[in-house]
Amino acid sequence: MDPPPGETLMRALELLYALGALNDRGELTKLGRRMAEFPVDPMLSKAIISSEDYSCTDEVLTIISMLSESSSLFYRPKDKKLHADQARQNFVRAGGDHFTLLNVWEQWAETNYSQQFCYEQFLQFKSLSRARDIRDQLAGLCERVEVVVQGNPNSNDITPVQKALTAGYFYNTAQLQKSGDSYRTLKTNHTVYIHPSSSLFQHQPPVKNVLYYELVMTSKSYMRQLMEIKPAWLLEGVYPDNFARYSRADHGLTVAPHYFKPADLDQLATGDKKMPKVVGASSAAPS
């Protein structure tokens, strides 16, 4: 077996360092040891652990479990395309695809995980069942690493969930370009596009800053499973009330202390002032 390319290893170490899993000497931190208990991508395990301090671990576990099956969740029979599209649209919620997936789960759970519900809503019962198994396993692991599983006390406020997911997926963030039809990743400066299956596809006005679950490479680089974010979250303190529980080397005081700097935020703020005009919006400049 050939060793992985050196550049790939460096990128992986850089990500683990930014996540707070490694310290300045390349050693595993307390946070890193907790993250290692979860058999998922490090970005997902960081989001799970971060969710405890935002009191939304229940929602984050659901979203992460659903993301793993999101590519095969909906089906679209040729003879019922319109019905399938309408059923999918009925699940869409503000904030992006992550909350659409959360809504699918919650409605399915209300039916006591009914197979008939899946049939009526054009959902793959096997995919949802796998997501349920994954969620049960992750919830069990939370108990092992002493993460308290509790729900968001205010279900109408999705910001805590957004921030917890951003704590893990800050690497996968992009900003709308001046053209208005594409995005540029914040650190690597790659041009990417919203996948047509996303609820944010052709959203008006276009969402300025997004977090994505994965990139799909076809004729273009498409972002799948998107969520709207605010750039300020990338530099915001995450654990101000629980600082005594973590040293800076063990966790860090911000979502991405080694990845985003104030200069990055300044660049985003500057970009916000030059957003593309929205179709149908008044062309008159404010006085």
C-alpha atoms as a PDB file:
ATOM      1  CA  MET A   1       0.000   0.000   0.000  1.00  0.00           C
ATOM      2  CA  ASP A   2       1.391   3.382  -1.000  1.00  0.00           C
ATOM      3  CA  PRO A   3       1.693   6.088   1.671  1.00  0.00           C
ATOM      4  CA  PRO A   4      -0.681   9.056   1.321  1.00  0.00           C
ATOM      5  CA  PRO A   5       0.704  12.192  -0.366  1.00  0.00           C
ATOM      6  CA  GLY A   6       2.507  14.546   2.011  1.00  0.00           C
ATOM      7  CA  GLU A   7       0.239  17.438   1.043  1.00  0.00           C
ATOM      8  CA  THR A   8      -2.845  15.431   2.025  1.00  0.00           C
ATOM      9  CA  LEU A   9      -1.345  14.632   5.421  1.00  0.00           C
ATOM     10  CA  MET A  10      -0.497  18.290   6.011  1.00  0.00           C
ATOM     11  CA  ARG A  11      -4.042  19.380   5.176  1.00  0.00           C
ATOM     12  CA  ALA A  12      -5.438  16.765   7.556  1.00  0.00           C
ATOM     13  CA  LEU A  13      -3.124  17.905  10.371  1.00  0.00           C
ATOM     14  CA  GLU A  14      -4.012  21.536   9.698  1.00  0.00           C
ATOM     15  CA  LEU A  15      -7.714  20.731   9.998  1.00  0.00           C
ATOM     16  CA  LEU A  16      -7.272  18.767  13.239  1.00  0.00           C
ATOM     17  CA  TYR A  17      -5.239  21.650  14.651  1.00  0.00           C
ATOM     18  CA  ALA A  18      -7.905  24.171  13.664  1.00  0.00           C
ATOM     19  CA  LEU A  19     -10.600  21.963  15.194  1.00  0.00           C
ATOM     20  CA  GLY A  20      -8.656  21.963  18.466  1.00  0.00           C
ATOM     21  CA  ALA A  21      -7.974  18.210  18.341  1.00  0.00           C
ATOM     22  CA  LEU A  22      -4.194  18.783  18.214  1.00  0.00           C
ATOM     23  CA  ASN A  23      -2.081  21.297  20.114  1.00  0.00           C
ATOM     24  CA  ASP A  24       0.928  23.307  18.928  1.00  0.00           C
ATOM     25  CA  ARG A  25       3.184  20.281  19.389  1.00  0.00           C
ATOM     26  CA  GLY A  26       0.962  17.962  17.358  1.00  0.00           C
ATOM     27  CA  GLU A  27      -0.267  16.129  20.454  1.00  0.00           C
ATOM     28  CA  LEU A  28      -3.841  14.990  20.978  1.00  0.00           C
ATOM     29  CA  THR A  29      -5.743  17.395  23.252  1.00  0.00           C
ATOM     30  CA  LYS A  30      -8.485  16.568  25.749  1.00  0.00           C
ATOM     31  CA  LEU A  31     -10.978  17.673  23.118  1.00  0.00           C
ATOM     32  CA  GLY A  32      -9.221  15.511  20.537  1.00  0.00           C
ATOM     33  CA  ARG A  33      -9.535  12.437  22.765  1.00  0.00           C
ATOM     34  CA  ARG A  34     -13.265  13.089  23.168  1.00  0.00           C
ATOM     35  CA  MET A  35     -13.655  13.575  19.407  1.00  0.00           C
ATOM     36  CA  ALA A  36     -11.835  10.294  18.762  1.00  0.00           C
ATOM     37  CA  GLU A  37     -14.598   8.395  20.595  1.00  0.00           C
ATOM     38  CA  PHE A  38     -16.997   9.127  17.723  1.00  0.00           C
ATOM     39  CA  PRO A  39     -16.497   6.971  14.572  1.00  0.00           C
ATOM     40  CA  VAL A  40     -17.365   9.871  12.275  1.00  0.00           C
ATOM     41  CA  ASP A  41     -15.550  12.644  10.423  1.00  0.00           C
ATOM     42  CA  PRO A  42     -13.666  14.899  12.907  1.00  0.00           C
ATOM     43  CA  MET A  43     -15.731  17.879  11.794  1.00  0.00           C
ATOM     44  CA  LEU A  44     -18.918  16.033  12.748  1.00  0.00           C
ATOM     45  CA  SER A  45     -17.567  14.935  16.136  1.00  0.00           C
ATOM     46  CA  LYS A  46     -16.494  18.528  16.867  1.00  0.00           C
ATOM     47  CA  ALA A  47     -20.019  19.727  16.056  1.00  0.00           C
ATOM     48  CA  ILE A  48     -21.525  17.139  18.418  1.00  0.00           C
ATOM     49  CA  ILE A  49     -19.281  18.153  21.308  1.00  0.00           C
ATOM     50  CA  SER A  50     -19.811  21.875  20.631  1.00  0.00           C
ATOM     51  CA  SER A  51     -23.580  21.396  20.596  1.00  0.00           C
ATOM     52  CA  GLU A  52     -23.614  20.696  24.342  1.00  0.00           C
ATOM     53  CA  ASP A  53     -22.682  24.285  25.136  1.00  0.00           C
ATOM     54  CA  TYR A  54     -25.401  25.557  22.814  1.00  0.00           C
ATOM     55  CA  SER A  55     -27.955  23.205  24.435  1.00  0.00           C
ATOM     56  CA  CYS A  56     -28.949  21.635  21.129  1.00  0.00           C
ATOM     57  CA  THR A  57     -27.226  18.238  21.061  1.00  0.00           C
ATOM     58  CA  ASP A  58     -30.532  16.501  20.315  1.00  0.00           C
ATOM     59  CA  GLU A  59     -31.006  18.481  17.081  1.00  0.00           C
ATOM     60  CA  VAL A  60     -27.356  18.235  16.035  1.00  0.00           C
ATOM     61  CA  LEU A  61     -27.327  14.440  16.464  1.00  0.00           C
ATOM     62  CA  THR A  62     -30.394  14.209  14.258  1.00  0.00           C
ATOM     63  CA  ILE A  63     -28.983  16.471  11.557  1.00  0.00           C
ATOM     64  CA  ILE A  64     -25.620  14.663  11.471  1.00  0.00           C
ATOM     65  CA  SER A  65     -27.343  11.284  11.225  1.00  0.00           C
ATOM     66  CA  MET A  66     -29.583  12.528   8.417  1.00  0.00           C
ATOM     67  CA  LEU A  67     -26.657  14.067   6.526  1.00  0.00           C
ATOM     68  CA  SER A  68     -25.064  10.640   6.244  1.00  0.00           C
ATOM     69  CA  GLU A  69     -28.125   9.391   4.326  1.00  0.00           C
ATOM     70  CA  SER A  70     -29.152  12.634   2.604  1.00  0.00           C
ATOM     71  CA  SER A  71     -28.069  11.585  -0.881  1.00  0.00           C
ATOM     72  CA  SER A  72     -30.540   8.669  -0.913  1.00  0.00           C
ATOM     73  CA  LEU A  73     -33.309  10.084   1.257  1.00  0.00           C
ATOM     74  CA  PHE A  74     -35.818  11.286  -1.349  1.00  0.00           C
ATOM     75  CA  TYR A  75     -36.984   9.390  -4.408  1.00  0.00           C
ATOM     76  CA  ARG A  76     -38.817  10.687  -7.482  1.00  0.00           C
ATOM     77  CA  PRO A  77     -40.887   8.150  -9.492  1.00  0.00           C
ATOM     78  CA  LYS A  78     -41.190   9.002 -13.155  1.00  0.00           C
ATOM     79  CA  ASP A  79     -44.973   8.852 -13.066  1.00  0.00           C
ATOM     80  CA  LYS A  80     -45.263  11.016  -9.919  1.00  0.00           C
ATOM     81  CA  LYS A  81     -42.561  13.632 -10.323  1.00  0.00           C
ATOM     82  CA  LEU A  82     -44.811  16.582  -9.485  1.00  0.00           C
ATOM     83  CA  HIS A  83     -46.176  14.893  -6.373  1.00  0.00           C
ATOM     84  CA  ALA A  84     -42.675  13.966  -5.222  1.00  0.00           C
ATOM     85  CA  ASP A  85     -41.374  17.486  -5.815  1.00  0.00           C
ATOM     86  CA  GLN A  86     -44.274  18.997  -3.875  1.00  0.00           C
ATOM     87  CA  ALA A  87     -43.799  16.568  -0.984  1.00  0.00           C
ATOM     88  CA  ARG A  88     -40.114  17.490  -0.812  1.00  0.00           C
ATOM     89  CA  GLN A  89     -40.896  21.195  -0.951  1.00  0.00           C
ATOM     90  CA  ASN A  90     -43.279  20.828   1.984  1.00  0.00           C
ATOM     91  CA  PHE A  91     -40.348  19.759   4.178  1.00  0.00           C
ATOM     92  CA  VAL A  92     -38.258  22.870   3.398  1.00  0.00           C
ATOM     93  CA  ARG A  93     -37.537  25.101   6.369  1.00  0.00           C
ATOM     94  CA  ALA A  94     -35.772  28.431   6.801  1.00  0.00           C
ATOM     95  CA  GLY A  95     -32.030  28.253   7.386  1.00  0.00           C
ATOM     96  CA  GLY A  96     -31.143  25.719   4.723  1.00  0.00           C
ATOM     97  CA  ASP A  97     -31.013  22.006   3.974  1.00  0.00           C
ATOM     98  CA  HIS A  98     -29.889  20.973   7.455  1.00  0.00           C
ATOM     99  CA  PHE A  99     -33.197  22.160   8.895  1.00  0.00           C
ATOM    100  CA  THR A 100     -35.139  20.538   6.092  1.00  0.00           C
ATOM    101  CA  LEU A 101     -33.538  17.233   7.117  1.00  0.00           C
ATOM    102  CA  LEU A 102     -34.363  17.951  10.758  1.00  0.00           C
ATOM    103  CA  ASN A 103     -37.982  18.598   9.790  1.00  0.00           C
ATOM    104  CA  VAL A 104     -38.166  15.297   7.880  1.00  0.00           C
ATOM    105  CA  TRP A 105     -36.934  13.434  10.957  1.00  0.00           C
ATOM    106  CA  GLU A 106     -39.283  15.197  13.351  1.00  0.00           C
ATOM    107  CA  GLN A 107     -42.318  14.514  11.196  1.00  0.00           C
ATOM    108  CA  TRP A 108     -41.300  10.868  10.766  1.00  0.00           C
ATOM    109  CA  ALA A 109     -40.737  10.522  14.522  1.00  0.00           C
ATOM    110  CA  GLU A 110     -44.225  11.922  15.179  1.00  0.00           C
ATOM    111  CA  THR A 111     -45.686   9.021  13.174  1.00  0.00           C
ATOM    112  CA  ASN A 112     -43.726   6.566  15.348  1.00  0.00           C
ATOM    113  CA  TYR A 113     -41.278   5.966  12.473  1.00  0.00           C
ATOM    114  CA  SER A 114     -44.009   4.806  10.118  1.00  0.00           C
ATOM    115  CA  GLN A 115     -43.134   3.106   6.836  1.00  0.00           C
ATOM    116  CA  GLN A 116     -46.459   4.246   5.399  1.00  0.00           C
ATOM    117  CA  PHE A 117     -45.499   7.866   6.083  1.00  0.00           C
ATOM    118  CA  CYS A 118     -42.326   7.365   4.042  1.00  0.00           C
ATOM    119  CA  TYR A 119     -44.308   5.894   1.170  1.00  0.00           C
ATOM    120  CA  GLU A 120     -46.748   8.804   1.147  1.00  0.00           C
ATOM    121  CA  GLN A 121     -43.992  11.438   1.366  1.00  0.00           C
ATOM    122  CA  PHE A 122     -41.650   9.817  -1.205  1.00  0.00           C
ATOM    123  CA  LEU A 123     -38.984   9.088   1.385  1.00  0.00           C
ATOM    124  CA  GLN A 124     -36.710   6.042   1.438  1.00  0.00           C
ATOM    125  CA  PHE A 125     -37.661   4.070   4.541  1.00  0.00           C
ATOM    126  CA  LYS A 126     -34.351   2.169   4.529  1.00  0.00           C
ATOM    127  CA  SER A 127     -32.356   5.406   4.450  1.00  0.00           C
ATOM    128  CA  LEU A 128     -34.312   6.848   7.353  1.00  0.00           C
ATOM    129  CA  SER A 129     -33.934   3.613   9.293  1.00  0.00           C
ATOM    130  CA  ARG A 130     -30.159   3.715   8.806  1.00  0.00           C
ATOM    131  CA  ALA A 131     -30.140   7.324   9.995  1.00  0.00           C
ATOM    132  CA  ARG A 132     -32.083   6.240  13.090  1.00  0.00           C
ATOM    133  CA  ASP A 133     -29.518   3.505  13.834  1.00  0.00           C
ATOM    134  CA  ILE A 134     -26.651   5.981  13.415  1.00  0.00           C
ATOM    135  CA  ARG A 135     -28.356   8.456  15.707  1.00  0.00           C
ATOM    136  CA  ASP A 136     -28.896   5.819  18.407  1.00  0.00           C
ATOM    137  CA  GLN A 137     -25.212   4.860  18.269  1.00  0.00           C
ATOM    138  CA  LEU A 138     -24.024   8.491  18.436  1.00  0.00           C
ATOM    139  CA  ALA A 139     -26.351   9.195  21.370  1.00  0.00           C
ATOM    140  CA  GLY A 140     -24.834   6.225  23.209  1.00  0.00           C
ATOM    141  CA  LEU A 141     -21.333   7.538  22.563  1.00  0.00           C
ATOM    142  CA  CYS A 142     -22.350  10.948  23.901  1.00  0.00           C
ATOM    143  CA  GLU A 143     -23.004   9.303  27.249  1.00  0.00           C
ATOM    144  CA  ARG A 144     -19.519   7.756  27.181  1.00  0.00           C
ATOM    145  CA  VAL A 145     -17.805  11.135  26.677  1.00  0.00           C
ATOM    146  CA  GLU A 146     -20.198  12.873  29.086  1.00  0.00           C
ATOM    147  CA  VAL A 147     -21.993  15.018  26.528  1.00  0.00           C
ATOM    148  CA  VAL A 148     -25.479  15.780  27.832  1.00  0.00           C
ATOM    149  CA  VAL A 149     -28.094  15.200  25.122  1.00  0.00           C
ATOM    150  CA  GLN A 150     -30.689  17.946  25.440  1.00  0.00           C
ATOM    151  CA  GLY A 151     -32.943  19.738  22.984  1.00  0.00           C
ATOM    152  CA  ASN A 152     -32.922  23.381  21.961  1.00  0.00           C
ATOM    153  CA  PRO A 153     -35.114  25.142  24.570  1.00  0.00           C
ATOM    154  CA  ASN A 154     -36.404  27.528  21.894  1.00  0.00           C
ATOM    155  CA  SER A 155     -37.210  25.566  18.753  1.00  0.00           C
ATOM    156  CA  ASN A 156     -38.015  28.802  16.910  1.00  0.00           C
ATOM    157  CA  ASP A 157     -34.422  30.009  17.306  1.00  0.00           C
ATOM    158  CA  ILE A 158     -32.158  27.984  15.025  1.00  0.00           C
ATOM    159  CA  THR A 159     -29.033  30.067  15.739  1.00  0.00           C
ATOM    160  CA  PRO A 160     -27.632  27.704  18.432  1.00  0.00           C
ATOM    161  CA  VAL A 161     -27.850  24.778  16.014  1.00  0.00           C
ATOM    162  CA  GLN A 162     -26.228  26.821  13.254  1.00  0.00           C
ATOM    163  CA  LYS A 163     -23.355  27.851  15.520  1.00  0.00           C
ATOM    164  CA  ALA A 164     -22.751  24.302  16.768  1.00  0.00           C
ATOM    165  CA  LEU A 165     -22.547  22.991  13.196  1.00  0.00           C
ATOM    166  CA  THR A 166     -20.313  25.900  12.189  1.00  0.00           C
ATOM    167  CA  ALA A 167     -17.918  24.987  15.016  1.00  0.00           C
ATOM    168  CA  GLY A 168     -17.274  21.735  13.185  1.00  0.00           C
ATOM    169  CA  TYR A 169     -17.690  22.759   9.564  1.00  0.00           C
ATOM    170  CA  PHE A 170     -16.057  26.201   9.411  1.00  0.00           C
ATOM    171  CA  TYR A 171     -13.658  24.728   6.849  1.00  0.00           C
ATOM    172  CA  ASN A 172     -16.571  24.231   4.419  1.00  0.00           C
ATOM    173  CA  THR A 173     -17.721  27.835   4.073  1.00  0.00           C
ATOM    174  CA  ALA A 174     -18.182  30.024   1.015  1.00  0.00           C
ATOM    175  CA  GLN A 175     -19.249  33.543   0.084  1.00  0.00           C
ATOM    176  CA  LEU A 176     -21.437  34.723  -2.788  1.00  0.00           C
ATOM    177  CA  GLN A 177     -19.475  36.290  -5.643  1.00  0.00           C
ATOM    178  CA  LYS A 178     -20.388  39.534  -7.379  1.00  0.00           C
ATOM    179  CA  SER A 179     -21.897  37.632 -10.318  1.00  0.00           C
ATOM    180  CA  GLY A 180     -24.575  36.327  -7.962  1.00  0.00           C
ATOM    181  CA  ASP A 181     -24.605  32.808  -9.446  1.00  0.00           C
ATOM    182  CA  SER A 182     -21.530  31.272  -7.823  1.00  0.00           C
ATOM    183  CA  TYR A 183     -19.628  31.210  -4.552  1.00  0.00           C
ATOM    184  CA  ARG A 184     -15.980  31.310  -3.546  1.00  0.00           C
ATOM    185  CA  THR A 185     -14.663  29.189  -0.690  1.00  0.00           C
ATOM    186  CA  LEU A 186     -13.387  31.444   2.080  1.00  0.00           C
ATOM    187  CA  LYS A 187      -9.843  30.149   2.450  1.00  0.00           C
ATOM    188  CA  THR A 188      -9.019  28.171  -0.682  1.00  0.00           C
ATOM    189  CA  ASN A 189     -10.687  30.638  -3.099  1.00  0.00           C
ATOM    190  CA  HIS A 190     -12.262  27.943  -5.270  1.00  0.00           C
ATOM    191  CA  THR A 191     -15.367  28.743  -7.300  1.00  0.00           C
ATOM    192  CA  VAL A 192     -18.296  26.538  -6.293  1.00  0.00           C
ATOM    193  CA  TYR A 193     -22.011  26.384  -7.054  1.00  0.00           C
ATOM    194  CA  ILE A 194     -25.159  25.432  -5.156  1.00  0.00           C
ATOM    195  CA  HIS A 195     -26.407  21.971  -6.123  1.00  0.00           C
ATOM    196  CA  PRO A 196     -29.829  22.110  -7.857  1.00  0.00           C
ATOM    197  CA  SER A 197     -31.270  19.752  -5.221  1.00  0.00           C
ATOM    198  CA  SER A 198     -30.637  22.279  -2.432  1.00  0.00           C
ATOM    199  CA  SER A 199     -33.475  24.322  -0.944  1.00  0.00           C
ATOM    200  CA  LEU A 200     -31.191  27.372  -1.334  1.00  0.00           C
ATOM    201  CA  PHE A 201     -30.828  26.858  -5.097  1.00  0.00           C
ATOM    202  CA  GLN A 202     -32.031  30.030  -6.886  1.00  0.00           C
ATOM    203  CA  HIS A 203     -33.061  31.477  -3.528  1.00  0.00           C
ATOM    204  CA  GLN A 204     -34.033  35.160  -3.738  1.00  0.00           C
ATOM    205  CA  PRO A 205     -32.262  37.137  -2.536  1.00  0.00           C
ATOM    206  CA  PRO A 206     -29.210  34.866  -2.808  1.00  0.00           C
ATOM    207  CA  VAL A 207     -27.766  33.755   0.516  1.00  0.00           C
ATOM    208  CA  LYS A 208     -24.500  35.637   1.070  1.00  0.00           C
ATOM    209  CA  ASN A 209     -22.555  33.171   3.208  1.00  0.00           C
ATOM    210  CA  VAL A 210     -23.071  29.420   3.363  1.00  0.00           C
ATOM    211  CA  LEU A 211     -21.728  26.310   5.049  1.00  0.00           C
ATOM    212  CA  TYR A 212     -21.846  23.075   3.039  1.00  0.00           C
ATOM    213  CA  TYR A 213     -21.619  19.410   3.980  1.00  0.00           C
ATOM    214  CA  GLU A 214     -19.740  18.201   0.917  1.00  0.00           C
ATOM    215  CA  LEU A 215     -18.569  19.088  -2.580  1.00  0.00           C
ATOM    216  CA  VAL A 216     -19.674  17.042  -5.580  1.00  0.00           C
ATOM    217  CA  MET A 217     -17.426  17.247  -8.631  1.00  0.00           C
ATOM    218  CA  THR A 218     -19.249  16.882 -11.957  1.00  0.00           C
ATOM    219  CA  SER A 219     -19.181  19.513 -14.697  1.00  0.00           C
ATOM    220  CA  LYS A 220     -18.753  22.017 -11.850  1.00  0.00           C
ATOM    221  CA  SER A 221     -17.959  21.909  -8.154  1.00  0.00           C
ATOM    222  CA  TYR A 222     -21.361  21.717  -6.476  1.00  0.00           C
ATOM    223  CA  MET A 223     -22.042  22.272  -2.774  1.00  0.00           C
ATOM    224  CA  ARG A 224     -24.524  19.796  -1.281  1.00  0.00           C
ATOM    225  CA  GLN A 225     -26.550  20.233   1.923  1.00  0.00           C
ATOM    226  CA  LEU A 226     -26.159  23.936   2.595  1.00  0.00           C
ATOM    227  CA  MET A 227     -26.895  26.105   5.595  1.00  0.00           C
ATOM    228  CA  GLU A 228     -26.882  29.876   5.888  1.00  0.00           C
ATOM    229  CA  ILE A 229     -24.311  31.325   8.321  1.00  0.00           C
ATOM    230  CA  LYS A 230     -23.073  34.709   9.537  1.00  0.00           C
ATOM    231  CA  PRO A 231     -19.344  35.429   9.028  1.00  0.00           C
ATOM    232  CA  ALA A 232     -19.002  36.841  12.555  1.00  0.00           C
ATOM    233  CA  TRP A 233     -19.628  33.352  13.976  1.00  0.00           C
ATOM    234  CA  LEU A 234     -16.255  32.246  12.620  1.00  0.00           C
ATOM    235  CA  LEU A 235     -14.493  34.459  15.163  1.00  0.00           C
ATOM    236  CA  GLU A 236     -17.024  34.340  17.970  1.00  0.00           C
ATOM    237  CA  GLY A 237     -16.226  32.930  21.401  1.00  0.00           C
ATOM    238  CA  VAL A 238     -17.813  29.530  21.835  1.00  0.00           C
ATOM    239  CA  TYR A 239     -17.319  28.655  25.488  1.00  0.00           C
ATOM    240  CA  PRO A 240     -17.301  31.910  27.479  1.00  0.00           C
ATOM    241  CA  ASP A 241     -19.320  30.416  30.359  1.00  0.00           C
ATOM    242  CA  ASN A 242     -17.361  27.194  30.561  1.00  0.00           C
ATOM    243  CA  PHE A 243     -13.847  28.531  30.131  1.00  0.00           C
ATOM    244  CA  ALA A 244     -12.690  26.750  33.290  1.00  0.00           C
ATOM    245  CA  ARG A 245     -13.416  23.413  31.618  1.00  0.00           C
ATOM    246  CA  TYR A 246     -10.942  23.974  28.817  1.00  0.00           C
ATOM    247  CA  SER A 247      -7.522  25.498  28.387  1.00  0.00           C
ATOM    248  CA  ARG A 248      -6.852  27.386  25.186  1.00  0.00           C
ATOM    249  CA  ALA A 249      -4.579  24.572  24.028  1.00  0.00           C
ATOM    250  CA  ASP A 250      -7.323  22.026  24.693  1.00  0.00           C
ATOM    251  CA  HIS A 251     -10.116  23.789  22.891  1.00  0.00           C
ATOM    252  CA  GLY A 252      -9.582  27.405  21.958  1.00  0.00           C
ATOM    253  CA  LEU A 253     -11.889  30.331  22.602  1.00  0.00           C
ATOM    254  CA  THR A 254     -13.322  30.686  19.120  1.00  0.00           C
ATOM    255  CA  VAL A 255     -14.962  28.458  16.529  1.00  0.00           C
ATOM    256  CA  ALA A 256     -11.757  28.285  14.478  1.00  0.00           C
ATOM    257  CA  PRO A 257      -8.950  29.971  16.444  1.00  0.00           C
ATOM    258  CA  HIS A 258      -6.155  28.783  14.143  1.00  0.00           C
ATOM    259  CA  TYR A 259      -8.018  29.073  10.873  1.00  0.00           C
ATOM    260  CA  PHE A 260      -9.874  32.373  10.576  1.00  0.00           C
ATOM    261  CA  LYS A 261      -8.310  35.698  11.535  1.00  0.00           C
ATOM    262  CA  PRO A 262      -9.840  39.180  11.936  1.00  0.00           C
ATOM    263  CA  ALA A 263      -8.494  40.081   8.475  1.00  0.00           C
ATOM    264  CA  ASP A 264     -10.678  37.355   6.968  1.00  0.00           C
ATOM    265  CA  LEU A 265     -13.723  38.871   8.621  1.00  0.00           C
ATOM    266  CA  ASP A 266     -12.778  42.332   7.355  1.00  0.00           C
ATOM    267  CA  GLN A 267     -12.619  40.944   3.835  1.00  0.00           C
ATOM    268  CA  LEU A 268     -16.080  39.428   4.215  1.00  0.00           C
ATOM    269  CA  ALA A 269     -17.482  42.676   5.572  1.00  0.00           C
ATOM    270  CA  THR A 270     -16.078  44.516   2.588  1.00  0.00           C
ATOM    271  CA  GLY A 271     -17.601  41.967   0.247  1.00  0.00           C
ATOM    272  CA  ASP A 272     -21.013  42.368   1.858  1.00  0.00           C
ATOM    273  CA  LYS A 273     -21.149  45.945   0.590  1.00  0.00           C
ATOM    274  CA  LYS A 274     -20.796  44.858  -3.028  1.00  0.00           C
ATOM    275  CA  MET A 275     -23.478  42.225  -3.350  1.00  0.00           C
ATOM    276  CA  PRO A 276     -25.202  41.665  -6.704  1.00  0.00           C
ATOM    277  CA  LYS A 277     -28.510  43.357  -7.340  1.00  0.00           C
ATOM    278  CA  VAL A 278     -31.555  41.211  -6.695  1.00  0.00           C
ATOM    279  CA  VAL A 279     -33.943  40.691  -9.578  1.00  0.00           C
ATOM    280  CA  GLY A 280     -37.001  42.854  -9.054  1.00  0.00           C
ATOM    281  CA  ALA A 281     -35.397  44.996  -6.376  1.00  0.00           C
ATOM    282  CA  SER A 282     -35.568  48.750  -6.598  1.00  0.00           C
ATOM    283  CA  SER A 283     -32.564  50.268  -8.361  1.00  0.00           C
ATOM    284  CA  ALA A 284     -32.856  53.498  -6.414  1.00  0.00           C
ATOM    285  CA  ALA A 285     -30.006  53.982  -3.986  1.00  0.00           C
ATOM    286  CA  PRO A 286     -30.926  54.914  -0.434  1.00  0.00           C
ATOM    287  CA  SER A 287     -30.388  58.515   0.424  1.00  0.00           C
END
